[in-house]
Amino acid sequence: MYNEDIRTRGESEMSNQSKYINPKKCLTCGKCCESFTIVYDKNASKDFLSEVKRFACLDTRKITIKETKEVFLVTFNYKCRFLKENKGQFRCKIYNGDRPELCKNYPFEKTTDCPHKLDKG
């Protein structure tokens, strides 16, 4: 499944499920796959929040943590291993396969790093 070439799929299968994106524009920039952010609610369990402390001990060039009143935003600055580039265009090797829900629904309402994000959903 991971080695399937997505160029064999129809354009209708290439759409993103987020209401904050025009699916026809969400095809080849690859910005969303250069890093990803997980939101940790400060009201979560201590065990769950201990992950944030653990991430803070790792390489800060690859993982950054921002704190707001309500949440911790943990950003992993790693390019996805399924992002493939060909002549300046990017494709996800698992776009229509076993792609994480985080990816299927990106961008989100408060996403700021997507150049194709719509102002309203």
Protein backbone atom coordinates (compact mmCIF):
# COMPACT_ATOMS: atom_id res chain seq x y z
CA MET A 1 0.00 0.00 0.00
CA TYR A 2 2.79 2.49 0.84
CA ASN A 3 4.60 1.93 -2.44
CA GLU A 4 1.60 2.62 -4.65
CA ASP A 5 2.23 5.48 -7.05
CA ILE A 6 -0.52 8.06 -6.50
CA ARG A 7 -0.25 9.31 -10.06
CA THR A 8 -2.37 6.29 -11.04
CA ARG A 9 -5.31 7.58 -9.00
CA GLY A 10 -8.06 9.84 -10.31
CA GLU A 11 -8.16 13.51 -9.32
CA SER A 12 -11.44 12.99 -7.45
CA GLU A 13 -9.61 10.67 -5.07
CA MET A 14 -6.96 13.31 -4.41
CA SER A 15 -9.11 15.67 -2.34
CA ASN A 16 -8.44 16.76 1.20
CA GLN A 17 -11.27 16.41 3.72
CA SER A 18 -10.67 19.69 5.57
CA LYS A 19 -13.34 22.36 5.21
CA TYR A 20 -10.56 24.96 5.36
CA ILE A 21 -8.97 24.10 2.01
CA ASN A 22 -9.86 24.18 -1.65
CA PRO A 23 -9.03 20.55 -2.60
CA LYS A 24 -8.03 21.53 -6.13
CA LYS A 25 -5.27 23.76 -4.73
CA CYS A 26 -4.16 21.21 -2.15
CA LEU A 27 -2.13 18.96 -4.37
CA THR A 28 1.56 19.66 -4.72
CA CYS A 29 3.15 22.30 -2.45
CA GLY A 30 4.07 19.86 0.35
CA LYS A 31 4.22 22.56 3.05
CA CYS A 32 1.93 20.59 5.37
CA CYS A 33 4.34 17.65 5.35
CA GLU A 34 7.50 19.55 6.27
CA SER A 35 6.51 19.48 9.95
CA PHE A 36 3.48 18.80 12.10
CA THR A 37 2.07 20.10 15.36
CA ILE A 38 0.24 18.24 18.10
CA VAL A 39 -1.90 20.21 20.54
CA TYR A 40 -1.81 19.12 24.19
CA ASP A 41 -4.63 20.53 26.31
CA LYS A 42 -3.38 21.68 29.71
CA ASN A 43 -6.39 19.99 31.31
CA ALA A 44 -5.22 16.56 30.15
CA SER A 45 -3.96 13.91 32.56
CA LYS A 46 -0.51 14.24 34.14
CA ASP A 47 0.64 11.13 32.27
CA PHE A 48 -0.42 12.63 28.97
CA LEU A 49 1.22 15.98 29.74
CA SER A 50 4.43 14.20 30.76
CA GLU A 51 5.00 13.67 27.04
CA VAL A 52 5.42 17.43 26.63
CA LYS A 53 8.16 17.42 29.29
CA ARG A 54 9.84 14.50 27.55
CA PHE A 55 9.75 16.27 24.18
CA ALA A 56 11.31 19.36 25.79
CA CYS A 57 14.40 17.25 26.52
CA LEU A 58 14.95 16.38 22.86
CA ASP A 59 16.78 18.24 20.08
CA THR A 60 15.22 21.72 20.02
CA ARG A 61 16.17 22.19 16.37
CA LYS A 62 13.77 19.38 15.51
CA ILE A 63 11.09 19.83 18.19
CA THR A 64 9.71 23.15 19.38
CA ILE A 65 7.18 23.76 22.12
CA LYS A 66 5.00 26.84 22.44
CA GLU A 67 2.73 27.43 25.40
CA THR A 68 -0.55 29.36 25.50
CA LYS A 69 -3.01 29.78 28.37
CA GLU A 70 -4.89 26.63 27.36
CA VAL A 71 -2.50 24.38 25.45
CA PHE A 72 1.03 23.28 24.62
CA LEU A 73 1.80 23.24 20.88
CA VAL A 74 4.48 20.66 20.14
CA THR A 75 5.90 21.00 16.63
CA PHE A 76 8.00 18.24 15.10
CA ASN A 77 10.22 19.75 12.43
CA TYR A 78 10.69 16.51 10.50
CA LYS A 79 9.70 16.06 6.89
CA CYS A 80 7.30 13.17 6.44
CA ARG A 81 8.95 10.08 5.02
CA PHE A 82 6.04 9.62 2.60
CA LEU A 83 6.46 13.05 1.00
CA LYS A 84 8.08 12.61 -2.40
CA GLU A 85 9.33 15.41 -4.65
CA ASN A 86 9.47 15.34 -8.44
CA LYS A 87 10.47 18.44 -10.41
CA GLY A 88 9.30 20.87 -7.72
CA GLN A 89 5.98 19.13 -7.10
CA PHE A 90 5.29 17.11 -3.98
CA ARG A 91 3.10 14.06 -3.53
CA CYS A 92 2.15 11.89 -0.60
CA LYS A 93 2.93 8.24 -1.25
CA ILE A 94 0.04 7.16 1.03
CA TYR A 95 -2.47 9.94 0.25
CA ASN A 96 -5.36 7.56 -0.39
CA GLY A 97 -4.08 4.75 1.76
CA ASP A 98 -3.41 4.49 5.47
CA ARG A 99 -2.93 8.23 5.96
CA PRO A 100 -3.29 9.57 9.53
CA GLU A 101 -6.45 11.52 10.41
CA LEU A 102 -4.21 14.51 11.24
CA CYS A 103 -3.19 14.57 7.57
CA LYS A 104 -6.63 13.89 6.11
CA ASN A 105 -8.16 16.85 7.92
CA TYR A 106 -5.35 19.37 7.59
CA PRO A 107 -5.48 22.36 7.65
CA PHE A 108 -7.46 23.18 10.76
CA GLU A 109 -9.29 26.33 11.78
CA LYS A 110 -6.23 27.89 13.46
CA THR A 111 -3.60 26.60 11.04
CA THR A 112 -1.25 29.40 9.97
CA ASP A 113 1.34 27.63 7.79
CA CYS A 114 -0.85 26.51 4.85
CA PRO A 115 -0.57 28.81 1.82
CA HIS A 116 -3.86 27.48 0.39
CA LYS A 117 -5.99 27.74 3.54
CA LEU A 118 -9.39 29.38 3.14
CA ASP A 119 -10.35 32.18 5.54
CA LYS A 120 -13.61 30.42 6.49
CA GLY A 121 -14.66 26.79 6.55
